[in-house]
Structures are given as C-alpha cells and as structure tokens.
Amino acid sequence: MNTVHFDFRMIRTTEDFYQQFRDKFSLFPEFGHNTDALWDMLTGAIELPVTLVFEHITARQRRLFSAVIATCRDAEEEWPGDIQLILTPLTMRAD
C-alpha cells in the first residue's frame, strides 16, 4: 500500500493542500482544486491502494479542511481497503 503524508504544519489553505496533492501524485497541471476533482482523483486516477496521512492537523484545520476530510472519508467508504485516511493531531512538545 502506498502511503502519502501531508504535513499540515506546512499547509495553511485549501489551495496549499490541493497543490501538494497534485504534486505528490504527479497530476496534470489542470487538476481542479476542489472536492469534485479530489473525488475524481481518489476514485479513478491515482494508484490504489493508498493511505493518506494528514499529520499535525489542528482542530482549527479540521474545521477549515472539513470538506476535504469528508471527501476522503466518503472515498474511504466507497473503496474499503483501497483508500484509507489517517488524521494525526498536532502535539505540543513538553520540554
């Protein structure tokens, strides 16, 4: 299974996410930066199986990226075993 990591410390906007998604999957430049295009890529264009890991995601980012997360979850339900989404929270270091 291919695992693709998205570090949300480096992703501030949905545009940032879509740009990284396009780059990580070597998609064509015309890839639409919206949830419809994301769905199309997840369910028909990228190599499966795949695990998407959203690392260091904050509660605020979960709200901001709720449509992206919902689209990934829907794809996960549609393609069980082929698409997996893992969210790992941003943790504060204790020094």
C-alpha atoms as a PDB file:
ATOM      1  CA  MET A   1       0.000   0.000   0.000  1.00  0.00           C
ATOM      2  CA  ASN A   2       1.289   3.433  -0.952  1.00  0.00           C
ATOM      3  CA  THR A   3       1.355   5.885   1.974  1.00  0.00           C
ATOM      4  CA  VAL A   4       1.303   9.612   1.251  1.00  0.00           C
ATOM      5  CA  HIS A   5       1.936  12.124   4.038  1.00  0.00           C
ATOM      6  CA  PHE A   6       0.590  15.667   4.224  1.00  0.00           C
ATOM      7  CA  ASP A   7       2.255  17.791   6.915  1.00  0.00           C
ATOM      8  CA  PHE A   8      -0.349  20.315   7.994  1.00  0.00           C
ATOM      9  CA  ARG A   9       2.303  22.465   9.652  1.00  0.00           C
ATOM     10  CA  MET A  10       3.126  23.399   6.040  1.00  0.00           C
ATOM     11  CA  ILE A  11      -0.462  23.569   4.775  1.00  0.00           C
ATOM     12  CA  ARG A  12      -2.322  26.758   5.616  1.00  0.00           C
ATOM     13  CA  THR A  13      -5.049  26.934   2.966  1.00  0.00           C
ATOM     14  CA  THR A  14      -7.087  24.549   0.864  1.00  0.00           C
ATOM     15  CA  GLU A  15      -5.104  25.820  -2.117  1.00  0.00           C
ATOM     16  CA  ASP A  16      -1.906  24.659  -0.348  1.00  0.00           C
ATOM     17  CA  PHE A  17      -3.451  21.225   0.180  1.00  0.00           C
ATOM     18  CA  TYR A  18      -4.579  20.817  -3.423  1.00  0.00           C
ATOM     19  CA  GLN A  19      -1.178  21.936  -4.695  1.00  0.00           C
ATOM     20  CA  GLN A  20       0.553  19.349  -2.509  1.00  0.00           C
ATOM     21  CA  PHE A  21      -1.946  16.674  -3.545  1.00  0.00           C
ATOM     22  CA  ARG A  22      -1.278  17.441  -7.204  1.00  0.00           C
ATOM     23  CA  ASP A  23       2.493  17.373  -6.680  1.00  0.00           C
ATOM     24  CA  LYS A  24       2.578  14.209  -4.549  1.00  0.00           C
ATOM     25  CA  PHE A  25       0.533  12.259  -7.086  1.00  0.00           C
ATOM     26  CA  SER A  26       2.173  13.850 -10.156  1.00  0.00           C
ATOM     27  CA  LEU A  27      -1.171  15.001 -11.502  1.00  0.00           C
ATOM     28  CA  PHE A  28      -1.643  17.145 -14.565  1.00  0.00           C
ATOM     29  CA  PRO A  29      -1.410  20.948 -14.084  1.00  0.00           C
ATOM     30  CA  GLU A  30      -5.101  21.355 -14.896  1.00  0.00           C
ATOM     31  CA  PHE A  31      -6.123  19.363 -11.806  1.00  0.00           C
ATOM     32  CA  GLY A  32      -9.056  21.273 -10.341  1.00  0.00           C
ATOM     33  CA  HIS A  33      -8.530  22.500  -6.832  1.00  0.00           C
ATOM     34  CA  ASN A  34     -11.907  21.441  -5.436  1.00  0.00           C
ATOM     35  CA  THR A  35     -13.577  18.465  -3.798  1.00  0.00           C
ATOM     36  CA  ASP A  36     -15.124  17.214  -7.059  1.00  0.00           C
ATOM     37  CA  ALA A  37     -11.676  16.942  -8.630  1.00  0.00           C
ATOM     38  CA  LEU A  38     -10.309  15.394  -5.424  1.00  0.00           C
ATOM     39  CA  TRP A  39     -13.037  12.732  -5.550  1.00  0.00           C
ATOM     40  CA  ASP A  40     -12.299  12.016  -9.208  1.00  0.00           C
ATOM     41  CA  MET A  41      -8.594  11.578  -8.487  1.00  0.00           C
ATOM     42  CA  LEU A  42      -9.149   9.399  -5.413  1.00  0.00           C
ATOM     43  CA  THR A  43     -11.630   7.101  -7.118  1.00  0.00           C
ATOM     44  CA  GLY A  44     -10.233   6.873 -10.604  1.00  0.00           C
ATOM     45  CA  ALA A  45      -6.863   8.435 -11.291  1.00  0.00           C
ATOM     46  CA  ILE A  46      -4.373   7.587  -8.564  1.00  0.00           C
ATOM     47  CA  GLU A  47      -2.858   4.187  -7.913  1.00  0.00           C
ATOM     48  CA  LEU A  48      -4.683   2.219  -5.241  1.00  0.00           C
ATOM     49  CA  PRO A  49      -4.431   1.080  -2.544  1.00  0.00           C
ATOM     50  CA  VAL A  50      -3.360   4.282  -0.820  1.00  0.00           C
ATOM     51  CA  THR A  51      -3.192   5.608   2.715  1.00  0.00           C
ATOM     52  CA  LEU A  52      -3.412   9.365   3.139  1.00  0.00           C
ATOM     53  CA  VAL A  53      -1.878  10.598   6.381  1.00  0.00           C
ATOM     54  CA  PHE A  54      -2.808  14.115   7.462  1.00  0.00           C
ATOM     55  CA  GLU A  55      -0.084  14.823  10.011  1.00  0.00           C
ATOM     56  CA  HIS A  56      -0.009  17.540  12.652  1.00  0.00           C
ATOM     57  CA  ILE A  57      -3.560  18.696  11.911  1.00  0.00           C
ATOM     58  CA  THR A  58      -5.094  21.088  14.436  1.00  0.00           C
ATOM     59  CA  ALA A  59      -8.735  21.341  15.496  1.00  0.00           C
ATOM     60  CA  ARG A  60      -8.966  24.599  13.553  1.00  0.00           C
ATOM     61  CA  GLN A  61      -7.593  22.920  10.439  1.00  0.00           C
ATOM     62  CA  ARG A  62     -10.069  20.051  10.833  1.00  0.00           C
ATOM     63  CA  ARG A  63     -12.822  22.664  10.551  1.00  0.00           C
ATOM     64  CA  LEU A  64     -11.137  24.554   7.699  1.00  0.00           C
ATOM     65  CA  PHE A  65     -10.497  21.354   5.741  1.00  0.00           C
ATOM     66  CA  SER A  66     -13.772  19.646   6.688  1.00  0.00           C
ATOM     67  CA  ALA A  67     -14.899  19.326   3.043  1.00  0.00           C
ATOM     68  CA  VAL A  68     -11.553  17.775   2.053  1.00  0.00           C
ATOM     69  CA  ILE A  69     -11.695  15.374   5.004  1.00  0.00           C
ATOM     70  CA  ALA A  70     -15.323  14.468   4.236  1.00  0.00           C
ATOM     71  CA  THR A  71     -14.454  13.765   0.597  1.00  0.00           C
ATOM     72  CA  CYS A  72     -11.598  11.491   1.662  1.00  0.00           C
ATOM     73  CA  ARG A  73     -13.845   9.715   4.182  1.00  0.00           C
ATOM     74  CA  ASP A  74     -16.521   9.216   1.509  1.00  0.00           C
ATOM     75  CA  ALA A  75     -13.909   7.712  -0.823  1.00  0.00           C
ATOM     76  CA  GLU A  76     -12.696   5.524   2.041  1.00  0.00           C
ATOM     77  CA  GLU A  77     -16.255   4.189   2.476  1.00  0.00           C
ATOM     78  CA  GLU A  78     -16.744   3.735  -1.272  1.00  0.00           C
ATOM     79  CA  TRP A  79     -13.434   1.869  -1.712  1.00  0.00           C
ATOM     80  CA  PRO A  80     -12.920  -0.028   1.583  1.00  0.00           C
ATOM     81  CA  GLY A  81      -9.434  -1.432   1.878  1.00  0.00           C
ATOM     82  CA  ASP A  82      -8.184   0.621  -1.067  1.00  0.00           C
ATOM     83  CA  ILE A  83      -8.351   4.132   0.399  1.00  0.00           C
ATOM     84  CA  GLN A  84      -7.544   4.954   3.998  1.00  0.00           C
ATOM     85  CA  LEU A  85      -7.361   8.335   5.722  1.00  0.00           C
ATOM     86  CA  ILE A  86      -5.422   8.776   8.955  1.00  0.00           C
ATOM     87  CA  LEU A  87      -5.516  12.044  10.895  1.00  0.00           C
ATOM     88  CA  THR A  88      -2.776  12.660  13.434  1.00  0.00           C
ATOM     89  CA  PRO A  89      -3.106  15.710  15.663  1.00  0.00           C
ATOM     90  CA  LEU A  90      -0.526  18.369  16.237  1.00  0.00           C
ATOM     91  CA  THR A  91       1.044  17.636  19.599  1.00  0.00           C
ATOM     92  CA  MET A  92       2.814  20.127  21.773  1.00  0.00           C
ATOM     93  CA  ARG A  93       6.284  19.156  22.862  1.00  0.00           C
ATOM     94  CA  ALA A  94       6.933  19.068  26.573  1.00  0.00           C
ATOM     95  CA  ASP A  95      10.442  20.309  27.257  1.00  0.00           C
END
